[in-house]
Amino acid sequence: MKVSRFVYNFRYAVNWRKPRLAARIARAYLDLLTGRRQPLRYIDVNVGLACNLRCSHCFAENLKFKGGSELSDQEWESVMGQCADLGAIAIGFTGGEPLAYPRLFDLIRLADPGRMLIIVCTNGTLMTPEMARRLKAAGVDIVQMSVDSGEAAEHDRFRGMPGAFDKTMTAFRIAQDAGLKVAAVPTVSHYNIHTPGFHKIIEWARQENILVNLSMASPIGEWAENMDCMLTAADLAELNHIVASTPHVRRDFETNYWQLGCGAATEKLYFTPFGDVIPCPYMHISFGNVREEPVAAIRAKMLANDYLAGFHPRCLTAEDHEFVENCLPKQYLQNTALPKAEEVFAPKKTGGDRP
């Protein structure tokens, strides 16, 4: 099982046509082995919040800010360069829907794809053969596509568009035909983990030899204060069984260099279109803005927070009820600034319910 899991991870992480990337991955492991530093591994770059779907759990509005302007190309280039200096080897371009964003290819170019693993995170409905060829030519390695059920009606209902399932499933074939690696990203919640549709997607991906990255439901965005979406103890037992017994399925916990646990801040950062830096896509708490501070300084503030120091044994936003109750926004934020870390944590003793 461990060998099979390693083969999947290796196949997705390595591109022999990018020797600079391979050298940087080797350097990251050397840094860890020697204790020189804890390198950053992955960053999410949110290119824009517009989307053609209306997903039940959408959190895009949380990241909008009517008083801000999107980062310029020059600012994004600086951000991605700073992250590379901190050791980042992978960039995920996300949204909204990145394939609808006119600046996507400019930002991919500025990321210097020759030294980075480039991932585009999309719902797949806008994928065409021409788009797939452009992504491949631009240096994209992996296209991750959201697909939540093997039953079309269930997926379409969750994503808010009739016909979305058929478009997304077609997109997998189109991307593969263009020479891109593909991964499936289901949102797994209390509502669907035991459904036939969820298990159909897992089985389909196994048959197609496709990696599955599970996205665990968090009570944010449209699901703000919806604690019912969170996985129960029984649900988590089922999820852990699936991950342990199925080598092509993983959570974020299994994507770290070698230590299990939540890698937010330690190995991962998320950047909003307006320059706010948050620990992960679901922790909508700003630790700083790249227009005001260097990325390294913002990350250092995160790592000084007891919740984010090291690898938390649970997903803070999907499993840690104390963190959800005390720290996550209690409403769907609409065109307001993200809550600041100093406001969220200063009145409370940090520490979480770590064992």
Protein backbone atom coordinates (compact mmCIF):
# COMPACT_ATOMS: atom_id res chain seq x y z
CA MET A 1 0.00 0.00 0.00
CA LYS A 2 2.79 2.43 0.91
CA VAL A 3 4.57 1.62 -2.35
CA SER A 4 1.38 2.23 -4.36
CA ARG A 5 0.80 5.55 -2.60
CA PHE A 6 4.40 6.61 -3.25
CA VAL A 7 4.04 5.74 -6.94
CA TYR A 8 0.95 7.96 -7.22
CA ASN A 9 2.62 10.85 -5.44
CA PHE A 10 5.82 10.51 -7.46
CA ARG A 11 3.95 10.37 -10.76
CA TYR A 12 2.12 13.59 -10.01
CA ALA A 13 4.98 15.50 -8.39
CA VAL A 14 7.77 14.88 -10.89
CA ASN A 15 8.11 16.27 -14.41
CA TRP A 16 11.38 15.15 -15.98
CA ARG A 17 11.09 17.95 -18.52
CA LYS A 18 11.55 20.41 -15.65
CA PRO A 19 15.05 19.68 -14.28
CA ARG A 20 15.04 22.91 -12.26
CA LEU A 21 11.90 21.72 -10.48
CA ALA A 22 13.49 18.35 -9.71
CA ALA A 23 16.55 20.12 -8.30
CA ARG A 24 14.38 22.35 -6.11
CA ILE A 25 12.45 19.34 -4.75
CA ALA A 26 15.75 17.66 -3.89
CA ARG A 27 16.92 20.87 -2.20
CA ALA A 28 13.74 21.01 -0.10
CA TYR A 29 14.32 17.50 1.24
CA LEU A 30 17.98 18.35 1.92
CA ASP A 31 16.88 21.39 3.91
CA LEU A 32 14.59 19.19 5.99
CA LEU A 33 17.18 16.48 6.52
CA THR A 34 19.85 18.93 7.64
CA GLY A 35 17.46 21.03 9.72
CA ARG A 36 18.49 24.13 7.79
CA ARG A 37 14.91 25.35 7.48
CA GLN A 38 11.29 24.26 7.11
CA PRO A 39 10.68 25.06 3.44
CA LEU A 40 7.37 26.23 2.12
CA ARG A 41 5.93 23.64 -0.29
CA TYR A 42 2.74 24.87 -1.91
CA ILE A 43 0.83 28.11 -2.42
CA ASP A 44 -2.68 28.81 -3.64
CA VAL A 45 -2.95 31.85 -5.90
CA ASN A 46 -6.57 32.99 -6.17
CA VAL A 47 -6.60 34.71 -9.55
CA GLY A 48 -10.17 36.04 -9.31
CA LEU A 49 -13.50 35.31 -7.68
CA ALA A 50 -15.90 35.28 -10.65
CA CYS A 51 -17.38 31.87 -11.41
CA ASN A 52 -19.91 30.34 -13.81
CA LEU A 53 -21.35 27.95 -11.18
CA ARG A 54 -23.35 28.50 -7.99
CA CYS A 55 -22.05 25.84 -5.64
CA SER A 56 -23.91 25.10 -2.43
CA HIS A 57 -20.83 25.62 -0.25
CA CYS A 58 -19.23 28.55 -2.12
CA PHE A 59 -16.97 30.84 -0.09
CA ALA A 60 -15.97 33.30 -2.86
CA GLU A 61 -17.88 36.19 -1.31
CA ASN A 62 -15.86 35.77 1.87
CA LEU A 63 -12.74 36.79 -0.02
CA LYS A 64 -14.18 39.82 -1.81
CA PHE A 65 -13.43 43.29 -0.52
CA LYS A 66 -15.16 46.28 -2.02
CA GLY A 67 -12.44 48.62 -0.77
CA GLY A 68 -9.57 46.76 -2.42
CA SER A 69 -8.06 46.31 -5.87
CA GLU A 70 -6.67 43.10 -7.30
CA LEU A 71 -2.91 42.63 -7.26
CA SER A 72 -1.15 43.73 -10.43
CA ASP A 73 0.97 41.36 -12.51
CA GLN A 74 4.09 42.92 -11.00
CA GLU A 75 2.78 42.38 -7.49
CA TRP A 76 1.90 38.78 -8.21
CA GLU A 77 5.35 38.20 -9.70
CA SER A 78 6.91 39.51 -6.49
CA VAL A 79 4.67 37.34 -4.32
CA MET A 80 5.45 34.18 -6.26
CA GLY A 81 9.16 35.00 -6.26
CA GLN A 82 9.17 35.51 -2.50
CA CYS A 83 7.42 32.17 -2.04
CA ALA A 84 9.97 30.45 -4.29
CA ASP A 85 12.72 31.92 -2.10
CA LEU A 86 10.97 30.38 0.91
CA GLY A 87 11.15 27.00 -0.83
CA ALA A 88 7.75 26.70 -2.55
CA ILE A 89 7.86 24.12 -5.35
CA ALA A 90 4.17 24.11 -6.37
CA ILE A 91 1.60 26.76 -7.23
CA GLY A 92 -2.12 26.10 -7.53
CA PHE A 93 -4.07 28.67 -9.52
CA THR A 94 -7.60 28.79 -8.20
CA GLY A 95 -10.67 31.04 -7.98
CA GLY A 96 -13.62 31.50 -8.53
CA GLU A 97 -13.12 29.79 -11.83
CA PRO A 98 -9.59 30.39 -13.14
CA LEU A 99 -10.40 29.30 -16.70
CA ALA A 100 -12.77 32.28 -16.91
CA TYR A 101 -10.05 34.71 -15.82
CA PRO A 102 -8.35 36.62 -18.68
CA ARG A 103 -5.07 37.07 -16.77
CA LEU A 104 -4.57 33.38 -15.97
CA PHE A 105 -1.92 32.72 -18.61
CA ASP A 106 -0.02 35.90 -17.74
CA LEU A 107 0.19 34.80 -14.11
CA ILE A 108 1.25 31.28 -15.07
CA ARG A 109 4.10 32.78 -17.13
CA LEU A 110 5.14 35.01 -14.22
CA ALA A 111 5.29 31.95 -11.94
CA ASP A 112 8.28 30.65 -13.93
CA PRO A 113 6.82 27.20 -14.74
CA GLY A 114 10.26 25.71 -15.42
CA ARG A 115 11.00 25.72 -11.69
CA MET A 116 7.48 25.16 -10.36
CA LEU A 117 4.88 22.41 -10.40
CA ILE A 118 1.91 24.28 -11.88
CA ILE A 119 -1.62 23.20 -10.96
CA VAL A 120 -4.88 24.71 -12.17
CA CYS A 121 -7.88 24.08 -9.91
CA THR A 122 -11.10 24.28 -11.91
CA ASN A 123 -14.66 23.02 -12.12
CA GLY A 124 -13.85 21.83 -15.65
CA THR A 125 -17.00 23.10 -17.33
CA LEU A 126 -15.10 25.65 -19.45
CA MET A 127 -12.45 23.19 -20.64
CA THR A 128 -12.08 22.87 -24.40
CA PRO A 129 -9.39 21.15 -26.49
CA GLU A 130 -7.91 24.56 -27.33
CA MET A 131 -7.86 25.57 -23.65
CA ALA A 132 -6.18 22.30 -22.69
CA ARG A 133 -3.50 22.75 -25.36
CA ARG A 134 -2.84 26.30 -24.15
CA LEU A 135 -2.50 25.11 -20.56
CA LYS A 136 -0.03 22.41 -21.60
CA ALA A 137 1.99 24.85 -23.71
CA ALA A 138 2.08 27.33 -20.82
CA GLY A 139 3.78 24.79 -18.54
CA VAL A 140 0.82 23.52 -16.53
CA ASP A 141 1.44 20.07 -15.05
CA ILE A 142 -1.83 19.11 -13.37
CA VAL A 143 -5.47 20.09 -13.76
CA GLN A 144 -7.51 19.43 -10.62
CA MET A 145 -11.25 19.29 -11.23
CA SER A 146 -14.09 19.44 -8.73
CA VAL A 147 -16.38 16.45 -9.03
CA ASP A 148 -18.49 15.49 -6.04
CA SER A 149 -20.57 12.52 -7.12
CA GLY A 150 -20.65 9.79 -9.73
CA GLU A 151 -24.35 10.52 -10.16
CA ALA A 152 -24.95 13.43 -12.52
CA ALA A 153 -28.06 14.82 -10.82
CA GLU A 154 -26.37 14.85 -7.41
CA HIS A 155 -23.27 16.64 -8.72
CA ASP A 156 -25.30 19.15 -10.76
CA ARG A 157 -27.50 19.99 -7.79
CA PHE A 158 -24.49 20.64 -5.56
CA ARG A 159 -22.69 22.72 -8.20
CA GLY A 160 -25.80 24.67 -9.18
CA MET A 161 -25.79 24.03 -12.94
CA PRO A 162 -27.63 21.40 -15.01
CA GLY A 163 -25.21 19.52 -17.20
CA ALA A 164 -22.16 20.38 -15.08
CA PHE A 165 -21.33 16.72 -14.45
CA ASP A 166 -21.18 15.81 -18.14
CA LYS A 167 -19.02 18.85 -18.92
CA THR A 168 -16.61 18.09 -16.11
CA MET A 169 -16.28 14.41 -16.98
CA THR A 170 -15.61 15.37 -20.59
CA ALA A 171 -12.97 17.81 -19.34
CA PHE A 172 -10.98 14.99 -17.75
CA ARG A 173 -10.66 13.30 -21.14
CA ILE A 174 -9.85 16.55 -22.95
CA ALA A 175 -7.09 17.41 -20.46
CA GLN A 176 -5.56 13.94 -20.63
CA ASP A 177 -5.63 13.98 -24.43
CA ALA A 178 -3.60 17.21 -24.28
CA GLY A 179 -0.95 15.51 -22.13
CA LEU A 180 -1.98 17.03 -18.80
CA LYS A 181 -2.15 15.07 -15.58
CA VAL A 182 -5.57 15.22 -13.95
CA ALA A 183 -6.86 14.84 -10.40
CA ALA A 184 -10.39 14.69 -9.01
CA VAL A 185 -11.35 16.86 -6.03
CA PRO A 186 -14.61 15.89 -4.30
CA THR A 187 -15.93 17.96 -1.42
CA VAL A 188 -16.64 15.39 1.27
CA SER A 189 -19.16 16.24 3.98
CA HIS A 190 -21.58 14.61 6.36
CA TYR A 191 -24.15 14.88 3.58
CA ASN A 192 -22.37 12.73 1.00
CA ILE A 193 -19.63 10.54 2.49
CA HIS A 194 -21.93 7.52 2.75
CA THR A 195 -23.77 8.05 -0.54
CA PRO A 196 -23.41 5.76 -3.56
CA GLY A 197 -22.51 8.78 -5.69
CA PHE A 198 -19.43 9.62 -3.60
CA HIS A 199 -18.19 6.04 -3.71
CA LYS A 200 -18.81 5.90 -7.47
CA ILE A 201 -16.35 8.74 -7.96
CA ILE A 202 -13.73 6.95 -5.86
CA GLU A 203 -14.19 3.78 -7.91
CA TRP A 204 -14.22 5.63 -11.24
CA ALA A 205 -10.94 7.32 -10.36
CA ARG A 206 -9.41 3.96 -9.40
CA GLN A 207 -10.38 2.47 -12.74
CA GLU A 208 -8.99 5.50 -14.59
CA ASN A 209 -5.80 5.59 -12.48
CA ILE A 210 -6.58 9.17 -11.38
CA LEU A 211 -5.54 10.73 -8.10
CA VAL A 212 -8.33 11.88 -5.75
CA ASN A 213 -7.66 14.82 -3.42
CA LEU A 214 -10.41 15.02 -0.82
CA SER A 215 -11.62 18.47 0.22
CA MET A 216 -13.18 18.29 3.67
CA ALA A 217 -16.27 20.40 4.28
CA SER A 218 -15.89 23.43 6.54
CA PRO A 219 -18.63 25.74 7.91
CA ILE A 220 -17.61 28.84 5.96
CA GLY A 221 -19.07 30.82 3.07
CA GLU A 222 -22.54 29.62 2.17
CA TRP A 223 -22.13 27.01 4.89
CA ALA A 224 -21.19 29.51 7.62
CA GLU A 225 -22.45 28.26 10.99
CA ASN A 226 -23.69 25.07 9.32
CA MET A 227 -22.07 22.64 11.71
CA ASP A 228 -24.14 19.82 10.20
CA CYS A 229 -21.90 19.78 7.13
CA MET A 230 -18.90 18.75 9.23
CA LEU A 231 -17.86 15.13 9.33
CA THR A 232 -18.95 13.26 12.45
CA ALA A 233 -16.74 10.79 14.28
CA ALA A 234 -18.34 7.96 12.30
CA ASP A 235 -17.84 9.88 9.06
CA LEU A 236 -14.18 10.49 9.88
CA ALA A 237 -13.70 6.81 10.60
CA GLU A 238 -15.09 6.02 7.15
CA LEU A 239 -12.91 8.69 5.53
CA ASN A 240 -9.78 7.41 7.29
CA HIS A 241 -10.61 3.88 6.18
CA ILE A 242 -10.94 5.01 2.57
CA VAL A 243 -7.62 6.87 2.67
CA ALA A 244 -5.80 4.02 4.42
CA SER A 245 -7.11 1.32 2.09
CA THR A 246 -7.17 3.17 -1.23
CA PRO A 247 -3.77 4.38 -2.50
CA HIS A 248 -5.16 6.81 -5.07
CA VAL A 249 -7.15 8.77 -2.45
CA ARG A 250 -5.59 11.31 -0.11
CA ARG A 251 -6.30 14.33 2.06
CA ASP A 252 -4.03 17.35 2.35
CA PHE A 253 -2.44 15.58 5.31
CA GLU A 254 -0.84 13.09 2.92
CA THR A 255 0.67 15.75 0.64
CA ASN A 256 3.30 17.05 3.08
CA TYR A 257 6.98 16.32 2.52
CA TRP A 258 6.94 13.49 5.03
CA GLN A 259 4.99 14.39 8.17
CA LEU A 260 1.26 13.80 8.46
CA GLY A 261 -0.98 16.60 9.66
CA CYS A 262 -2.28 20.00 8.67
CA GLY A 263 0.44 21.82 6.75
CA ALA A 264 -1.22 25.25 6.83
CA ALA A 265 1.46 27.95 7.29
CA THR A 266 4.18 25.33 7.80
CA GLU A 267 4.08 24.13 4.18
CA LYS A 268 1.14 25.96 2.60
CA LEU A 269 -0.15 29.51 2.12
CA TYR A 270 -3.18 30.98 0.36
CA PHE A 271 -3.25 34.40 -1.32
CA THR A 272 -6.46 36.25 -2.11
CA PRO A 273 -6.73 38.46 -5.24
CA PHE A 274 -6.41 41.50 -2.97
CA GLY A 275 -3.15 40.43 -1.33
CA ASP A 276 -4.39 39.01 1.97
CA VAL A 277 -2.48 35.96 3.17
CA ILE A 278 -4.43 33.22 4.91
CA PRO A 279 -3.18 29.82 6.09
CA CYS A 280 -5.42 27.71 3.86
CA PRO A 281 -8.45 28.06 1.54
CA TYR A 282 -10.89 27.56 4.42
CA MET A 283 -9.32 29.60 7.23
CA HIS A 284 -10.58 33.07 6.35
CA ILE A 285 -8.40 35.02 8.76
CA SER A 286 -5.90 37.49 7.36
CA PHE A 287 -2.43 37.41 8.91
CA GLY A 288 -1.27 40.29 6.72
CA ASN A 289 -1.27 41.78 3.25
CA VAL A 290 1.58 41.51 0.75
CA ARG A 291 1.26 45.21 -0.05
CA GLU A 292 2.25 46.00 3.52
CA GLU A 293 4.64 43.22 4.58
CA PRO A 294 6.94 40.61 3.02
CA VAL A 295 5.55 37.11 2.71
CA ALA A 296 8.22 35.77 5.08
CA ALA A 297 7.12 38.15 7.83
CA ILE A 298 3.47 37.20 7.42
CA ARG A 299 4.28 33.50 7.49
CA ALA A 300 6.39 34.03 10.63
CA LYS A 301 3.34 35.50 12.38
CA MET A 302 1.34 32.42 11.43
CA LEU A 303 4.00 30.06 12.74
CA ALA A 304 4.06 31.97 16.03
CA ASN A 305 0.37 31.18 16.51
CA ASP A 306 -0.14 28.09 18.65
CA TYR A 307 -2.81 26.70 16.33
CA LEU A 308 -0.45 26.83 13.33
CA ALA A 309 2.91 25.96 14.86
CA GLY A 310 3.81 22.61 13.36
CA PHE A 311 1.44 20.03 11.94
CA HIS A 312 -1.93 20.02 13.68
CA PRO A 313 -3.29 16.44 13.97
CA ARG A 314 -6.75 17.50 12.75
CA CYS A 315 -8.06 19.83 10.07
CA LEU A 316 -8.73 22.98 12.10
CA THR A 317 -11.65 24.17 9.97
CA ALA A 318 -13.26 20.78 9.33
CA GLU A 319 -12.60 18.76 12.51
CA ASP A 320 -11.63 21.09 15.35
CA HIS A 321 -14.95 22.29 16.79
CA GLU A 322 -13.28 24.61 19.30
CA PHE A 323 -11.40 26.40 16.53
CA VAL A 324 -14.54 26.66 14.39
CA GLU A 325 -16.57 28.08 17.25
CA ASN A 326 -13.94 30.55 18.44
CA CYS A 327 -12.13 31.63 15.30
CA LEU A 328 -14.00 31.19 12.02
CA PRO A 329 -16.28 34.00 10.75
CA LYS A 330 -19.80 33.46 12.01
CA GLN A 331 -21.53 34.73 8.88
CA TYR A 332 -21.14 34.79 5.11
CA LEU A 333 -18.87 37.79 4.64
CA GLN A 334 -20.04 39.91 1.72
CA ASN A 335 -17.75 42.65 0.40
CA THR A 336 -16.12 43.22 3.75
CA ALA A 337 -12.50 42.89 4.82
CA LEU A 338 -11.40 39.55 6.22
CA PRO A 339 -11.10 39.43 10.02
CA LYS A 340 -7.51 40.10 11.08
CA ALA A 341 -5.53 37.56 13.06
CA GLU A 342 -4.76 40.04 15.83
CA GLU A 343 -8.49 40.61 16.30
CA VAL A 344 -9.40 36.92 16.20
CA PHE A 345 -6.71 35.57 18.50
CA ALA A 346 -5.74 38.43 20.83
CA PRO A 347 -8.84 38.18 23.10
CA LYS A 348 -8.42 34.44 23.44
CA LYS A 349 -5.75 32.10 24.58
CA THR A 350 -4.41 30.25 21.54
CA GLY A 351 -3.58 26.61 21.63
CA GLY A 352 -6.58 24.74 20.30
CA ASP A 353 -7.34 21.25 21.51
CA ARG A 354 -4.06 19.75 20.46
CA PRO A 355 -3.20 16.52 22.22
